Amino acid sequence: MYNNRSDTQNTGRSEGMMNPETGRATMFAIVGGYLIYMAYELLTNLINKVATSMPAWLQILVIIFFTGTGIALLFFAWKVWKKGREDHDKNPVDLEAQEESAKTEEDASEK
């Protein structure tokens, strides 16, 4: 009746379809983008002379650090994503073979 194979039963897709490198690259890109956004906000506050508790020289250092780190993370995310895509293209997921093996496993578990 009920199958413990929740990976295909609930989502309709089998385990191994999503490349873990894609998720990792996405997280790096989000963090890198956020750091660049924070650097932009600090820069606009510095230009508009908004009162802050941070001295101007420290704001400039933080802006440089956030911008450099953000760009580095975006570049690294692109490299991880590109490598993941190349690996996926070399070893594509064979869905038909996975479905057949799942049916074989299900038939074996019913016996």
N, C-alpha and C. Protein backbone atom coordinates (compact mmCIF):
# COMPACT_ATOMS: atom_id res chain seq x y z
N MET A 1 0.81 -1.19 0.00
CA MET A 1 0.00 0.00 0.00
C MET A 1 0.86 1.26 0.00
N TYR A 2 1.37 1.58 1.18
CA TYR A 2 2.19 2.77 1.28
C TYR A 2 3.64 2.40 1.09
N ASN A 3 4.29 3.21 0.34
CA ASN A 3 5.68 2.96 0.02
C ASN A 3 6.55 3.94 0.80
N ASN A 4 7.64 3.49 1.33
CA ASN A 4 8.55 4.36 2.07
C ASN A 4 9.45 5.16 1.15
N ARG A 5 9.24 5.08 -0.14
CA ARG A 5 10.07 5.81 -1.09
C ARG A 5 9.52 7.21 -1.26
N SER A 6 9.72 8.04 -0.25
CA SER A 6 9.16 9.39 -0.26
C SER A 6 9.83 10.29 -1.28
N ASP A 7 11.03 9.91 -1.74
CA ASP A 7 11.72 10.77 -2.70
C ASP A 7 11.00 10.81 -4.05
N THR A 8 10.31 9.75 -4.44
CA THR A 8 9.58 9.78 -5.70
C THR A 8 8.09 9.94 -5.48
N GLN A 9 7.59 9.48 -4.36
CA GLN A 9 6.15 9.49 -4.12
C GLN A 9 5.63 10.91 -3.92
N ASN A 10 6.30 11.72 -3.11
CA ASN A 10 5.79 13.04 -2.78
C ASN A 10 6.16 14.11 -3.80
N THR A 11 7.33 14.04 -4.34
CA THR A 11 7.78 15.11 -5.23
C THR A 11 7.66 14.76 -6.70
N GLY A 12 7.50 13.51 -7.01
CA GLY A 12 7.41 13.13 -8.40
C GLY A 12 8.76 13.07 -9.10
N ARG A 13 9.81 13.23 -8.38
CA ARG A 13 11.13 13.15 -9.00
C ARG A 13 12.01 12.26 -8.14
N SER A 14 12.97 11.65 -8.76
CA SER A 14 13.82 10.72 -8.03
C SER A 14 15.03 11.43 -7.45
N GLU A 15 15.57 10.82 -6.46
CA GLU A 15 16.74 11.36 -5.79
C GLU A 15 17.90 11.39 -6.77
N GLY A 16 18.70 12.45 -6.74
CA GLY A 16 19.85 12.54 -7.61
C GLY A 16 19.60 13.40 -8.83
N MET A 17 18.38 13.87 -9.02
CA MET A 17 18.10 14.70 -10.19
C MET A 17 18.70 16.09 -10.05
N MET A 18 18.67 16.66 -8.86
CA MET A 18 19.20 18.01 -8.69
C MET A 18 20.69 17.93 -8.39
N ASN A 19 21.43 18.72 -9.07
CA ASN A 19 22.86 18.76 -8.88
C ASN A 19 23.15 19.56 -7.61
N PRO A 20 23.85 18.99 -6.63
CA PRO A 20 24.12 19.73 -5.39
C PRO A 20 25.00 20.96 -5.62
N GLU A 21 25.79 20.96 -6.68
CA GLU A 21 26.63 22.11 -6.97
C GLU A 21 25.78 23.33 -7.34
N THR A 22 24.62 23.11 -7.93
CA THR A 22 23.75 24.22 -8.31
C THR A 22 23.25 24.96 -7.08
N GLY A 23 22.84 24.22 -6.07
CA GLY A 23 22.38 24.85 -4.83
C GLY A 23 23.51 25.59 -4.12
N ARG A 24 24.66 25.00 -4.14
CA ARG A 24 25.82 25.64 -3.51
C ARG A 24 26.20 26.93 -4.23
N ALA A 25 26.19 26.89 -5.54
CA ALA A 25 26.51 28.08 -6.33
C ALA A 25 25.47 29.17 -6.10
N THR A 26 24.21 28.78 -5.96
CA THR A 26 23.14 29.75 -5.71
C THR A 26 23.36 30.45 -4.38
N MET A 27 23.73 29.70 -3.37
CA MET A 27 23.97 30.31 -2.05
C MET A 27 25.16 31.28 -2.10
N PHE A 28 26.23 30.90 -2.78
CA PHE A 28 27.38 31.80 -2.92
C PHE A 28 26.98 33.08 -3.66
N ALA A 29 26.16 32.94 -4.70
CA ALA A 29 25.72 34.10 -5.47
C ALA A 29 24.84 35.02 -4.63
N ILE A 30 23.97 34.45 -3.82
CA ILE A 30 23.10 35.26 -2.96
C ILE A 30 23.92 36.04 -1.94
N VAL A 31 24.86 35.37 -1.31
CA VAL A 31 25.71 36.04 -0.31
C VAL A 31 26.58 37.11 -0.97
N GLY A 32 27.15 36.79 -2.13
CA GLY A 32 27.96 37.78 -2.84
C GLY A 32 27.15 38.99 -3.26
N GLY A 33 25.96 38.76 -3.76
CA GLY A 33 25.09 39.87 -4.14
C GLY A 33 24.69 40.72 -2.95
N TYR A 34 24.43 40.08 -1.83
CA TYR A 34 24.06 40.82 -0.62
C TYR A 34 25.22 41.68 -0.13
N LEU A 35 26.43 41.16 -0.17
CA LEU A 35 27.59 41.95 0.24
C LEU A 35 27.80 43.17 -0.66
N ILE A 36 27.58 42.99 -1.96
CA ILE A 36 27.69 44.13 -2.87
C ILE A 36 26.58 45.14 -2.59
N TYR A 37 25.39 44.66 -2.30
CA TYR A 37 24.29 45.55 -1.94
C TYR A 37 24.62 46.34 -0.67
N MET A 38 25.18 45.67 0.32
CA MET A 38 25.55 46.36 1.57
C MET A 38 26.63 47.40 1.32
N ALA A 39 27.59 47.09 0.46
CA ALA A 39 28.63 48.06 0.12
C ALA A 39 28.02 49.27 -0.58
N TYR A 40 27.05 49.04 -1.45
CA TYR A 40 26.37 50.14 -2.14
C TYR A 40 25.62 51.02 -1.14
N GLU A 41 24.93 50.40 -0.20
CA GLU A 41 24.20 51.16 0.81
C GLU A 41 25.15 52.00 1.67
N LEU A 42 26.27 51.41 2.07
CA LEU A 42 27.26 52.16 2.84
C LEU A 42 27.83 53.32 2.03
N LEU A 43 28.07 53.08 0.75
CA LEU A 43 28.61 54.13 -0.10
C LEU A 43 27.61 55.29 -0.27
N THR A 44 26.35 54.96 -0.47
CA THR A 44 25.35 56.04 -0.61
C THR A 44 25.21 56.80 0.70
N ASN A 45 25.28 56.11 1.83
CA ASN A 45 25.24 56.81 3.12
C ASN A 45 26.46 57.71 3.31
N LEU A 46 27.61 57.26 2.84
CA LEU A 46 28.83 58.06 2.95
C LEU A 46 28.75 59.29 2.05
N ILE A 47 28.25 59.11 0.84
CA ILE A 47 28.13 60.24 -0.10
C ILE A 47 27.11 61.25 0.40
N ASN A 48 25.99 60.76 0.91
CA ASN A 48 24.92 61.65 1.39
C ASN A 48 25.18 62.19 2.79
N LYS A 49 26.30 61.80 3.38
CA LYS A 49 26.72 62.24 4.71
C LYS A 49 25.66 61.97 5.78
N VAL A 50 25.14 60.75 5.73
CA VAL A 50 24.19 60.30 6.75
C VAL A 50 24.99 60.03 8.02
N ALA A 51 24.46 60.48 9.15
CA ALA A 51 25.15 60.31 10.42
C ALA A 51 25.18 58.83 10.81
N THR A 52 26.38 58.33 11.05
CA THR A 52 26.56 56.94 11.50
C THR A 52 27.53 56.93 12.67
N SER A 53 27.62 55.81 13.33
CA SER A 53 28.55 55.68 14.45
C SER A 53 29.94 55.24 13.97
N MET A 54 30.09 55.03 12.66
CA MET A 54 31.34 54.55 12.10
C MET A 54 32.11 55.72 11.47
N PRO A 55 33.40 55.84 11.75
CA PRO A 55 34.18 56.89 11.09
C PRO A 55 34.25 56.67 9.58
N ALA A 56 34.46 57.74 8.84
CA ALA A 56 34.48 57.68 7.37
C ALA A 56 35.56 56.74 6.85
N TRP A 57 36.74 56.76 7.46
CA TRP A 57 37.82 55.90 6.99
C TRP A 57 37.47 54.42 7.16
N LEU A 58 36.76 54.10 8.24
CA LEU A 58 36.34 52.72 8.47
C LEU A 58 35.24 52.32 7.49
N GLN A 59 34.35 53.26 7.19
CA GLN A 59 33.31 52.98 6.20
C GLN A 59 33.94 52.67 4.84
N ILE A 60 34.95 53.42 4.47
CA ILE A 60 35.62 53.19 3.19
C ILE A 60 36.27 51.80 3.17
N LEU A 61 36.93 51.43 4.26
CA LEU A 61 37.54 50.10 4.33
C LEU A 61 36.50 48.99 4.24
N VAL A 62 35.37 49.17 4.92
CA VAL A 62 34.31 48.16 4.89
C VAL A 62 33.70 48.08 3.49
N ILE A 63 33.52 49.23 2.84
CA ILE A 63 32.99 49.24 1.47
C ILE A 63 33.92 48.47 0.54
N ILE A 64 35.21 48.72 0.65
CA ILE A 64 36.19 48.02 -0.19
C ILE A 64 36.17 46.52 0.10
N PHE A 65 36.13 46.16 1.38
CA PHE A 65 36.12 44.74 1.77
C PHE A 65 34.85 44.05 1.27
N PHE A 66 33.68 44.65 1.50
CA PHE A 66 32.42 44.05 1.07
C PHE A 66 32.37 43.91 -0.45
N THR A 67 32.83 44.94 -1.17
CA THR A 67 32.80 44.88 -2.63
C THR A 67 33.73 43.78 -3.14
N GLY A 68 34.95 43.73 -2.63
CA GLY A 68 35.90 42.70 -3.06
C GLY A 68 35.43 41.30 -2.74
N THR A 69 34.92 41.12 -1.53
CA THR A 69 34.43 39.80 -1.13
C THR A 69 33.20 39.40 -1.94
N GLY A 70 32.31 40.36 -2.18
CA GLY A 70 31.11 40.07 -2.97
C GLY A 70 31.45 39.68 -4.39
N ILE A 71 32.37 40.40 -5.01
CA ILE A 71 32.78 40.06 -6.38
C ILE A 71 33.46 38.70 -6.40
N ALA A 72 34.30 38.43 -5.42
CA ALA A 72 34.98 37.13 -5.36
C ALA A 72 33.97 35.99 -5.19
N LEU A 73 32.96 36.19 -4.35
CA LEU A 73 31.93 35.15 -4.16
C LEU A 73 31.10 34.94 -5.42
N LEU A 74 30.77 36.02 -6.12
CA LEU A 74 30.03 35.88 -7.37
C LEU A 74 30.86 35.13 -8.42
N PHE A 75 32.14 35.45 -8.50
CA PHE A 75 33.02 34.75 -9.43
C PHE A 75 33.14 33.27 -9.05
N PHE A 76 33.30 32.99 -7.75
CA PHE A 76 33.40 31.61 -7.28
C PHE A 76 32.10 30.86 -7.55
N ALA A 77 30.95 31.52 -7.35
CA ALA A 77 29.66 30.88 -7.62
C ALA A 77 29.54 30.52 -9.08
N TRP A 78 30.00 31.41 -9.95
CA TRP A 78 29.95 31.14 -11.38
C TRP A 78 30.82 29.94 -11.72
N LYS A 79 32.02 29.86 -11.12
CA LYS A 79 32.94 28.74 -11.37
C LYS A 79 32.33 27.42 -10.88
N VAL A 80 31.72 27.44 -9.68
CA VAL A 80 31.10 26.23 -9.13
C VAL A 80 29.94 25.79 -10.01
N TRP A 81 29.11 26.76 -10.43
CA TRP A 81 27.97 26.44 -11.28
C TRP A 81 28.42 25.87 -12.61
N LYS A 82 29.46 26.49 -13.19
CA LYS A 82 29.98 26.03 -14.48
C LYS A 82 30.54 24.61 -14.36
N LYS A 83 31.28 24.34 -13.29
CA LYS A 83 31.83 23.00 -13.09
C LYS A 83 30.71 21.98 -12.88
N GLY A 84 29.70 22.37 -12.11
CA GLY A 84 28.56 21.48 -11.90
C GLY A 84 27.83 21.17 -13.19
N ARG A 85 27.66 22.17 -14.06
CA ARG A 85 27.00 21.96 -15.35
C ARG A 85 27.84 21.04 -16.23
N GLU A 86 29.17 21.24 -16.22
CA GLU A 86 30.04 20.38 -17.04
C GLU A 86 29.98 18.94 -16.55
N ASP A 87 29.99 18.75 -15.23
CA ASP A 87 29.89 17.39 -14.68
C ASP A 87 28.55 16.78 -15.02
N HIS A 88 27.48 17.58 -14.96
CA HIS A 88 26.15 17.08 -15.27
C HIS A 88 26.04 16.71 -16.75
N ASP A 89 26.67 17.50 -17.62
CA ASP A 89 26.64 17.20 -19.05
C ASP A 89 27.43 15.93 -19.37
N LYS A 90 28.51 15.69 -18.61
CA LYS A 90 29.30 14.48 -18.83
C LYS A 90 28.57 13.24 -18.32
N ASN A 91 27.85 13.38 -17.21
CA ASN A 91 27.14 12.26 -16.60
C ASN A 91 25.67 12.63 -16.41
N PRO A 92 24.88 12.67 -17.48
CA PRO A 92 23.48 13.06 -17.32
C PRO A 92 22.71 12.01 -16.54
N VAL A 93 21.67 12.46 -15.89
CA VAL A 93 20.83 11.57 -15.10
C VAL A 93 19.94 10.80 -16.07
N ASP A 94 20.00 9.50 -16.00
CA ASP A 94 19.17 8.65 -16.85
C ASP A 94 17.90 8.33 -16.10
N LEU A 95 16.84 9.09 -16.37
CA LEU A 95 15.60 8.94 -15.63
C LEU A 95 14.93 7.61 -15.89
N GLU A 96 14.98 7.12 -17.12
CA GLU A 96 14.35 5.85 -17.43
C GLU A 96 15.01 4.71 -16.66
N ALA A 97 16.32 4.74 -16.57
CA ALA A 97 17.04 3.69 -15.83
C ALA A 97 16.70 3.77 -14.35
N GLN A 98 16.56 4.99 -13.82
CA GLN A 98 16.20 5.13 -12.41
C GLN A 98 14.78 4.63 -12.16
N GLU A 99 13.87 4.90 -13.07
CA GLU A 99 12.50 4.42 -12.92
C GLU A 99 12.45 2.90 -12.94
N GLU A 100 13.21 2.30 -13.86
CA GLU A 100 13.25 0.84 -13.94
C GLU A 100 13.82 0.24 -12.66
N SER A 101 14.90 0.84 -12.14
CA SER A 101 15.49 0.30 -10.92
C SER A 101 14.55 0.50 -9.73
N ALA A 102 13.79 1.59 -9.72
CA ALA A 102 12.82 1.81 -8.64
C ALA A 102 11.71 0.77 -8.70
N LYS A 103 11.24 0.45 -9.91
CA LYS A 103 10.20 -0.57 -10.06
C LYS A 103 10.72 -1.93 -9.64
N THR A 104 11.96 -2.22 -10.01
CA THR A 104 12.57 -3.50 -9.63
C THR A 104 12.70 -3.60 -8.12
N GLU A 105 13.14 -2.51 -7.47
CA GLU A 105 13.26 -2.50 -6.02
C GLU A 105 11.89 -2.64 -5.36
N GLU A 106 10.89 -1.97 -5.92
CA GLU A 106 9.53 -2.05 -5.36
C GLU A 106 8.98 -3.46 -5.48
N ASP A 107 9.19 -4.09 -6.64
CA ASP A 107 8.74 -5.46 -6.82
C ASP A 107 9.44 -6.42 -5.88
N ALA A 108 10.72 -6.19 -5.65
CA ALA A 108 11.49 -7.04 -4.75
C ALA A 108 11.05 -6.85 -3.31
N SER A 109 10.67 -5.62 -2.93
CA SER A 109 10.26 -5.39 -1.54
C SER A 109 8.86 -5.92 -1.26
N GLU A 110 8.05 -6.07 -2.29
CA GLU A 110 6.70 -6.61 -2.11
C GLU A 110 6.72 -8.11 -1.91
N LYS A 111 7.74 -8.79 -2.38
CA LYS A 111 7.82 -10.25 -2.28
C LYS A 111 8.24 -10.71 -0.93
